[in-house]
């Protein structure tokens, strides 16, 4: 249980870093006198750093060991958080973007390390169930982070929310000493650039790894599209306060908890393929409800947040089973998890980049984007099933 709790903290490290400050996005736009889409670049730059962090930690864990790698994650995230505070105090938006990328390079390693450690500590069937529980933290913790961030933004301004990430980074550094070391000193080897390229090339040629990573990217895209668009829809179009937005963000957590527990329970008697299919179907039902609700009652916040319960519930079935199928298709789980995580975040990063060019004039933009994402999800699901 101790290991699972720490893995939950690790897997949510990057995701909470991406969204904890989002209740302050409209305030950031006013503070720096920039457009809403420009303010959204704070999410985009974070995702860019988050994406490349996944490939950084693959070879690092083989050379330095899992514990030292996690400590480096925490230190980089701590540095980025401190620089974000400094950038706000000195009115430098360019430095804020750089600081967000540095924060992501550190916090982004938590996702890769959680996947790698879970595949080493548990069997294939156990891993699917454990990752379902980790998925619960992957979305619960950001929800709690947004809730706390909303309170901080409302009472103390947007800069204060970054102190939350300072504390989280310090905690990650401390708990790293409680995890078992994956590689002893005798099992580690020196970094070799050519070997790294060969290993990654082998992973990028695996259809199971590629389709699994891209399917995870679809689910992460649901989360990050909501993080990028929902603050403007809820705060500016529906007229709620940042504090209220943070409170409303606790509603989708119900779906995350239910999806994680449901997937964990169904994993006892369903094969991962079936659970994965059920998850995509549930997500589709949630998107239909979201589209219908925003079309009929576009000024009611609950029409934005309640359908996310269903969408996140279905995502709980997709995350754990997709990851288990992709990682257990190869013996090289460390590099496989790095590539899966890279493709996962690269997909989300590309989506947020595209969203940054779109003017948010209607709340319906969110369900329409979700429809396109779930269509792609079905495509990658079919490829993954044929590859495993």
Protein backbone atom coordinates (compact mmCIF):
# COMPACT_ATOMS: atom_id res chain seq x y z
CA UNK A 1 0.00 0.00 0.00
CA UNK A 2 2.89 2.38 0.81
CA UNK A 3 4.33 1.89 -2.68
CA UNK A 4 0.95 2.49 -4.34
CA UNK A 5 0.43 5.76 -2.44
CA UNK A 6 3.86 7.03 -3.48
CA UNK A 7 3.27 5.92 -7.08
CA UNK A 8 0.00 7.88 -6.97
CA UNK A 9 1.93 10.97 -5.94
CA UNK A 10 4.48 10.39 -8.69
CA UNK A 11 2.00 9.87 -11.52
CA UNK A 12 0.06 12.99 -10.54
CA UNK A 13 3.21 15.13 -10.17
CA UNK A 14 3.22 16.24 -13.79
CA UNK A 15 -0.54 16.56 -14.22
CA UNK A 16 -1.02 18.70 -11.11
CA UNK A 17 1.84 20.89 -12.31
CA UNK A 18 0.00 21.45 -15.57
CA UNK A 19 -3.32 22.65 -14.17
CA UNK A 20 -3.06 23.80 -10.52
CA UNK A 21 -2.77 27.46 -11.54
CA UNK A 22 -5.47 27.45 -14.26
CA UNK A 23 -8.10 29.31 -12.15
CA UNK A 24 -5.68 32.24 -12.47
CA UNK A 25 -5.40 32.15 -16.29
CA UNK A 26 -7.83 35.05 -16.86
CA UNK A 27 -5.99 37.01 -14.15
CA UNK A 28 -2.62 36.20 -15.77
CA UNK A 29 -3.94 37.56 -19.08
CA UNK A 30 -4.90 40.84 -17.38
CA UNK A 31 -1.71 40.99 -15.27
CA UNK A 32 0.60 40.79 -18.29
CA UNK A 33 -1.85 42.62 -20.63
CA UNK A 34 -1.97 39.71 -23.08
CA UNK A 35 -4.74 37.79 -24.84
CA UNK A 36 -6.44 34.74 -23.38
CA UNK A 37 -4.79 32.50 -25.98
CA UNK A 38 -1.36 33.95 -25.09
CA UNK A 39 -2.03 33.23 -21.41
CA UNK A 40 -2.84 29.67 -22.44
CA UNK A 41 0.75 29.35 -23.64
CA UNK A 42 1.68 28.77 -20.01
CA UNK A 43 -0.03 25.41 -20.40
CA UNK A 44 1.51 24.82 -23.84
CA UNK A 45 5.11 25.46 -22.76
CA UNK A 46 4.59 23.20 -19.80
CA UNK A 47 3.37 20.39 -22.03
CA UNK A 48 6.38 20.84 -24.34
CA UNK A 49 8.74 20.34 -21.40
CA UNK A 50 6.55 17.53 -20.10
CA UNK A 51 6.70 15.75 -23.45
CA UNK A 52 10.47 15.72 -23.80
CA UNK A 53 10.92 14.83 -20.14
CA UNK A 54 9.55 11.38 -20.95
CA UNK A 55 12.53 10.54 -23.19
CA UNK A 56 15.02 12.17 -20.82
CA UNK A 57 14.36 9.82 -17.92
CA UNK A 58 14.50 6.54 -19.85
CA UNK A 59 18.31 6.34 -20.08
CA UNK A 60 18.76 8.31 -16.87
CA UNK A 61 17.15 5.63 -14.70
CA UNK A 62 19.52 2.99 -16.13
CA UNK A 63 22.56 5.16 -15.35
CA UNK A 64 21.64 6.78 -12.04
CA UNK A 65 19.05 4.42 -10.55
CA UNK A 66 15.38 5.07 -9.87
CA UNK A 67 15.80 6.94 -6.58
CA UNK A 68 18.35 9.46 -7.87
CA UNK A 69 16.22 9.99 -10.96
CA UNK A 70 13.16 10.85 -8.87
CA UNK A 71 15.24 13.28 -6.78
CA UNK A 72 16.35 15.04 -9.99
CA UNK A 73 12.68 15.27 -11.01
CA UNK A 74 11.83 17.00 -7.75
CA UNK A 75 14.76 19.42 -7.84
CA UNK A 76 14.00 20.56 -11.41
CA UNK A 77 10.31 21.05 -10.58
CA UNK A 78 11.27 23.00 -7.46
CA UNK A 79 13.58 25.25 -9.53
CA UNK A 80 10.86 25.87 -12.12
CA UNK A 81 8.31 26.70 -9.42
CA UNK A 82 10.66 29.20 -7.78
CA UNK A 83 11.41 30.83 -11.14
CA UNK A 84 7.67 31.10 -11.86
CA UNK A 85 7.20 33.06 -8.63
CA UNK A 86 10.22 35.24 -9.51
CA UNK A 87 8.82 35.87 -13.01
CA UNK A 88 5.49 37.00 -11.59
CA UNK A 89 7.07 39.35 -9.08
CA UNK A 90 9.19 40.92 -11.86
CA UNK A 91 6.45 41.04 -14.52
CA UNK A 92 8.33 38.85 -17.01
CA UNK A 93 5.97 36.69 -19.05
CA UNK A 94 8.87 35.29 -21.12
CA UNK A 95 10.58 34.07 -17.93
CA UNK A 96 7.29 32.58 -16.74
CA UNK A 97 7.07 30.49 -19.92
CA UNK A 98 10.68 29.32 -19.49
CA UNK A 99 10.05 28.52 -15.84
CA UNK A 100 6.99 26.47 -16.75
CA UNK A 101 9.07 24.40 -19.20
CA UNK A 102 11.74 23.78 -16.52
CA UNK A 103 9.04 22.82 -14.02
CA UNK A 104 7.66 20.34 -16.56
CA UNK A 105 11.07 18.79 -17.25
CA UNK A 106 11.13 17.82 -13.58
CA UNK A 107 7.50 17.04 -12.81
CA UNK A 108 7.05 15.23 -16.13
CA UNK A 109 9.40 12.50 -14.98
CA UNK A 110 6.86 11.40 -12.40
CA UNK A 111 4.62 9.86 -15.07
CA UNK A 112 7.42 7.84 -16.64
CA UNK A 113 8.79 6.70 -13.28
CA UNK A 114 5.34 5.65 -12.02
CA UNK A 115 4.77 3.53 -15.13
CA UNK A 116 8.25 1.99 -14.96
CA UNK A 117 8.11 1.19 -11.25
CA UNK A 118 4.60 -0.29 -11.49
CA UNK A 119 5.65 -2.62 -14.32
CA UNK A 120 8.67 -3.78 -12.30
CA UNK A 121 6.85 -4.20 -9.00
CA UNK A 122 3.74 -5.98 -10.29
CA UNK A 123 2.74 -8.69 -12.78
CA UNK A 124 0.82 -7.95 -16.00
CA UNK A 125 -2.65 -8.48 -14.48
CA UNK A 126 -1.67 -6.77 -11.23
CA UNK A 127 -0.16 -3.89 -13.20
CA UNK A 128 -3.42 -3.22 -15.06
CA UNK A 129 -5.29 -3.03 -11.75
CA UNK A 130 -2.62 -0.94 -10.01
CA UNK A 131 -2.40 1.52 -12.89
CA UNK A 132 -6.18 1.90 -12.70
CA UNK A 133 -5.68 3.06 -9.11
CA UNK A 134 -2.84 5.32 -10.19
CA UNK A 135 -5.16 6.81 -12.80
CA UNK A 136 -7.46 7.82 -9.97
CA UNK A 137 -4.66 9.94 -8.49
CA UNK A 138 -3.69 11.16 -11.98
CA UNK A 139 -6.94 13.12 -12.13
CA UNK A 140 -7.96 13.45 -8.47
CA UNK A 141 -4.81 15.27 -7.45
CA UNK A 142 -5.05 17.86 -10.25
CA UNK A 143 -8.69 18.40 -9.27
CA UNK A 144 -7.66 19.02 -5.68
CA UNK A 145 -4.79 21.16 -6.93
CA UNK A 146 -7.16 23.32 -8.99
CA UNK A 147 -9.47 23.59 -5.97
CA UNK A 148 -6.62 24.79 -3.71
CA UNK A 149 -5.25 26.94 -6.54
CA UNK A 150 -8.66 28.58 -6.98
CA UNK A 151 -8.72 29.51 -3.29
CA UNK A 152 -5.18 30.89 -3.46
CA UNK A 153 -5.89 32.88 -6.64
CA UNK A 154 -9.11 34.29 -5.18
CA UNK A 155 -7.55 35.31 -1.85
CA UNK A 156 -3.91 36.08 -2.69
CA UNK A 157 -3.57 36.43 -6.48
CA UNK A 158 -2.30 34.08 -9.18
CA UNK A 159 1.36 34.12 -8.08
CA UNK A 160 0.46 32.52 -4.75
CA UNK A 161 -0.73 29.33 -6.47
CA UNK A 162 2.84 28.48 -7.47
CA UNK A 163 3.79 27.99 -3.83
CA UNK A 164 1.64 24.86 -3.96
CA UNK A 165 4.03 23.33 -6.50
CA UNK A 166 7.02 24.29 -4.35
CA UNK A 167 5.61 22.21 -1.49
CA UNK A 168 4.69 19.29 -3.78
CA UNK A 169 8.23 19.19 -5.24
CA UNK A 170 9.80 19.03 -1.80
CA UNK A 171 7.46 16.18 -0.80
CA UNK A 172 8.41 14.19 -3.94
CA UNK A 173 12.10 14.53 -3.08
CA UNK A 174 11.49 13.25 0.46
CA UNK A 175 9.26 10.26 -0.43
CA UNK A 176 11.76 9.04 -3.05
CA UNK A 177 13.77 7.54 -0.17
CA UNK A 178 10.82 5.29 0.74
CA UNK A 179 10.66 3.51 -2.64
CA UNK A 180 12.69 0.39 -3.47
CA UNK A 181 15.64 0.94 -5.80
CA UNK A 182 15.06 -0.65 -9.21
CA UNK A 183 18.73 -0.91 -10.18
CA UNK A 184 21.61 -1.61 -7.82
CA UNK A 185 24.96 0.05 -8.51
CA UNK A 186 26.25 -3.13 -10.18
CA UNK A 187 23.24 -3.21 -12.55
CA UNK A 188 23.67 0.36 -13.74
CA UNK A 189 25.63 1.27 -16.83
CA UNK A 190 27.13 4.41 -18.29
CA UNK A 191 25.05 6.53 -20.61
CA UNK A 192 25.67 5.72 -24.28
CA UNK A 193 23.99 7.98 -26.83
CA UNK A 194 24.13 5.45 -29.66
CA UNK A 195 22.60 2.72 -27.51
CA UNK A 196 19.87 5.12 -26.41
CA UNK A 197 18.94 5.82 -30.04
CA UNK A 198 18.93 2.08 -30.81
CA UNK A 199 16.67 1.32 -27.84
CA UNK A 200 14.27 4.11 -28.66
CA UNK A 201 14.30 3.15 -32.33
CA UNK A 202 13.22 -0.36 -31.37
CA UNK A 203 10.39 1.00 -29.24
CA UNK A 204 9.21 3.38 -31.96
CA UNK A 205 8.96 0.40 -34.32
CA UNK A 206 6.57 -1.43 -31.99
CA UNK A 207 2.93 -1.04 -33.05
CA UNK A 208 1.73 -1.91 -29.56
CA UNK A 209 3.90 0.76 -27.93
CA UNK A 210 3.01 3.41 -30.53
CA UNK A 211 -0.74 2.76 -30.56
CA UNK A 212 -0.80 2.46 -26.76
CA UNK A 213 0.99 5.79 -26.32
CA UNK A 214 -1.29 7.56 -28.80
CA UNK A 215 -4.41 6.09 -27.20
CA UNK A 216 -3.24 7.35 -23.81
CA UNK A 217 -2.67 10.70 -25.51
CA UNK A 218 -6.35 10.78 -26.46
CA UNK A 219 -7.38 10.39 -22.80
CA UNK A 220 -4.83 12.93 -21.63
CA UNK A 221 -6.09 15.24 -24.38
CA UNK A 222 -9.54 15.12 -22.77
CA UNK A 223 -7.99 16.35 -19.52
CA UNK A 224 -5.75 19.06 -20.97
CA UNK A 225 -8.37 20.38 -23.39
CA UNK A 226 -10.63 20.83 -20.38
CA UNK A 227 -7.80 22.51 -18.43
CA UNK A 228 -7.12 24.93 -21.30
CA UNK A 229 -10.71 25.79 -22.26
CA UNK A 230 -12.87 25.31 -19.16
CA UNK A 231 -11.51 28.31 -17.18
CA UNK A 232 -12.51 30.71 -19.94
CA UNK A 233 -15.86 28.98 -20.54
CA UNK A 234 -16.75 28.89 -16.84
CA UNK A 235 -15.22 32.15 -15.59
CA UNK A 236 -15.71 34.47 -18.56
CA UNK A 237 -18.76 33.00 -20.36
CA UNK A 238 -20.70 31.64 -17.38
CA UNK A 239 -19.54 34.33 -14.94
CA UNK A 240 -18.33 32.23 -11.98
CA UNK A 241 -15.40 33.28 -9.77
CA UNK A 242 -11.97 31.54 -9.75
CA UNK A 243 -12.79 30.26 -6.26
CA UNK A 244 -16.08 28.77 -7.46
CA UNK A 245 -14.32 27.31 -10.51
CA UNK A 246 -11.92 25.47 -8.23
CA UNK A 247 -14.86 24.08 -6.25
CA UNK A 248 -16.71 22.97 -9.38
CA UNK A 249 -13.55 21.14 -10.47
CA UNK A 250 -14.08 18.70 -7.62
CA UNK A 251 -17.20 17.36 -9.36
CA UNK A 252 -15.35 15.41 -12.11
CA UNK A 253 -13.26 13.78 -9.38
CA UNK A 254 -16.30 11.57 -8.70
CA UNK A 255 -15.87 10.05 -12.15
CA UNK A 256 -12.14 9.58 -11.69
CA UNK A 257 -12.60 7.69 -8.43
CA UNK A 258 -15.45 5.61 -9.84
CA UNK A 259 -13.57 4.81 -13.04
CA UNK A 260 -10.41 3.78 -11.24
CA UNK A 261 -12.23 1.60 -8.72
CA UNK A 262 -14.53 0.18 -11.41
CA UNK A 263 -11.65 -0.69 -13.70
CA UNK A 264 -9.75 -2.21 -10.79
CA UNK A 265 -12.73 -4.39 -9.86
CA UNK A 266 -13.60 -5.42 -13.43
CA UNK A 267 -9.94 -6.32 -14.00
CA UNK A 268 -10.50 -9.33 -11.75
CA UNK A 269 -12.69 -11.04 -14.35
CA UNK A 270 -12.41 -8.98 -17.58
CA UNK A 271 -9.47 -9.08 -19.94
CA UNK A 272 -7.82 -5.68 -20.59
CA UNK A 273 -9.14 -5.67 -24.17
CA UNK A 274 -12.76 -5.75 -22.99
CA UNK A 275 -12.29 -3.14 -20.26
CA UNK A 276 -10.65 -0.86 -22.81
CA UNK A 277 -13.59 -1.14 -25.19
CA UNK A 278 -16.09 -0.44 -22.40
CA UNK A 279 -14.10 2.64 -21.38
CA UNK A 280 -14.26 4.18 -24.85
CA UNK A 281 -18.02 3.55 -24.98
CA UNK A 282 -18.55 5.28 -21.62
CA UNK A 283 -16.46 8.27 -22.74
CA UNK A 284 -18.62 8.59 -25.87
CA UNK A 285 -21.80 8.67 -23.75
CA UNK A 286 -20.32 11.45 -21.60
CA UNK A 287 -19.44 13.53 -24.65
CA UNK A 288 -22.99 13.23 -25.99
CA UNK A 289 -24.31 14.48 -22.62
CA UNK A 290 -21.81 17.37 -22.62
CA UNK A 291 -22.81 18.44 -26.13
CA UNK A 292 -26.52 18.24 -25.32
CA UNK A 293 -26.21 20.10 -22.02
CA UNK A 294 -24.11 23.00 -23.36
CA UNK A 295 -26.42 23.32 -26.37
CA UNK A 296 -29.56 23.66 -24.23
CA UNK A 297 -28.27 25.33 -21.03
CA UNK A 298 -25.02 27.05 -22.05
CA UNK A 299 -24.95 29.42 -19.04
CA UNK A 300 -25.29 26.70 -16.39
CA UNK A 301 -21.91 25.57 -14.93
CA UNK A 302 -23.22 22.10 -14.04
CA UNK A 303 -23.74 21.33 -17.74
CA UNK A 304 -19.98 21.73 -18.12
CA UNK A 305 -18.85 19.76 -15.08
CA UNK A 306 -21.36 16.92 -14.59
CA UNK A 307 -20.74 15.24 -17.98
CA UNK A 308 -17.04 15.18 -17.09
CA UNK A 309 -17.93 12.66 -14.37
CA UNK A 310 -18.91 10.17 -17.08
CA UNK A 311 -16.00 11.07 -19.36
CA UNK A 312 -13.45 10.65 -16.57
CA UNK A 313 -15.17 7.45 -15.43
CA UNK A 314 -14.59 5.93 -18.87
CA UNK A 315 -11.03 7.24 -18.96
CA UNK A 316 -10.25 5.21 -15.83
CA UNK A 317 -10.88 2.03 -17.84
CA UNK A 318 -8.70 3.24 -20.72
CA UNK A 319 -5.57 4.38 -18.85
CA UNK A 320 -4.69 1.29 -16.87
CA UNK A 321 -5.57 -1.30 -19.50
CA UNK A 322 -3.89 0.56 -22.36
CA UNK A 323 -0.68 1.00 -20.37
CA UNK A 324 -0.61 -2.64 -19.28
CA UNK A 325 -1.12 -3.91 -22.83
CA UNK A 326 1.53 -1.61 -24.28
CA UNK A 327 4.25 -2.15 -21.66
CA UNK A 328 3.84 -5.90 -21.32
CA UNK A 329 4.31 -6.32 -25.09
CA UNK A 330 8.08 -5.88 -24.58
CA UNK A 331 10.80 -6.84 -22.09
CA UNK A 332 12.37 -3.36 -22.20
CA UNK A 333 9.77 -1.74 -19.97
CA UNK A 334 11.85 1.31 -19.03
CA UNK A 335 12.34 2.51 -22.62
CA UNK A 336 8.85 1.35 -23.59
CA UNK A 337 7.31 3.39 -20.77
CA UNK A 338 9.41 6.40 -21.84
CA UNK A 339 8.12 6.18 -25.43
CA UNK A 340 4.53 5.54 -24.32
CA UNK A 341 4.70 8.56 -22.01
CA UNK A 342 6.36 10.67 -24.72
CA UNK A 343 3.63 9.89 -27.26
CA UNK A 344 0.99 10.41 -24.59
CA UNK A 345 2.20 13.92 -23.80
CA UNK A 346 3.20 14.81 -27.38
CA UNK A 347 -0.40 14.22 -28.43
CA UNK A 348 -1.67 16.46 -25.64
CA UNK A 349 0.95 19.11 -26.42
CA UNK A 350 -0.05 19.18 -30.09
CA UNK A 351 -3.71 19.49 -29.12
CA UNK A 352 -3.07 22.43 -26.76
CA UNK A 353 -0.92 24.13 -29.42
CA UNK A 354 -3.83 23.88 -31.83
CA UNK A 355 -6.26 25.16 -29.19
CA UNK A 356 -3.98 28.16 -28.66
CA UNK A 357 -4.78 29.32 -32.20
CA UNK A 358 -8.56 29.02 -31.71
CA UNK A 359 -10.72 31.89 -30.52
CA UNK A 360 -13.02 30.67 -27.73
CA UNK A 361 -16.37 32.12 -28.77
CA UNK A 362 -18.68 29.26 -27.84
CA UNK A 363 -18.74 26.66 -25.09
CA UNK A 364 -19.58 24.05 -27.75
CA UNK A 365 -15.96 24.04 -28.89
CA UNK A 366 -15.13 21.64 -26.02
CA UNK A 367 -17.56 18.80 -26.92
CA UNK A 368 -16.75 19.18 -30.62
CA UNK A 369 -13.05 18.69 -29.88
CA UNK A 370 -13.94 15.71 -27.71
CA UNK A 371 -15.87 14.10 -30.57
CA UNK A 372 -12.78 14.32 -32.79
CA UNK A 373 -10.59 12.89 -30.01
CA UNK A 374 -12.81 9.87 -29.31
CA UNK A 375 -12.91 9.08 -33.03
CA UNK A 376 -9.10 8.95 -33.06
CA UNK A 377 -9.23 6.90 -29.88
CA UNK A 378 -11.27 4.20 -31.59
CA UNK A 379 -8.70 4.07 -34.41
CA UNK A 380 -5.78 3.57 -32.02
CA UNK A 381 -7.76 1.06 -29.99
CA UNK A 382 -8.20 -1.15 -33.05
CA UNK A 383 -4.46 -0.96 -33.84
CA UNK A 384 -3.51 -1.79 -30.25
CA UNK A 385 -5.84 -4.80 -30.08
CA UNK A 386 -4.41 -6.22 -33.30
CA UNK A 387 -0.86 -5.75 -31.98
CA UNK A 388 -1.27 -7.56 -28.65
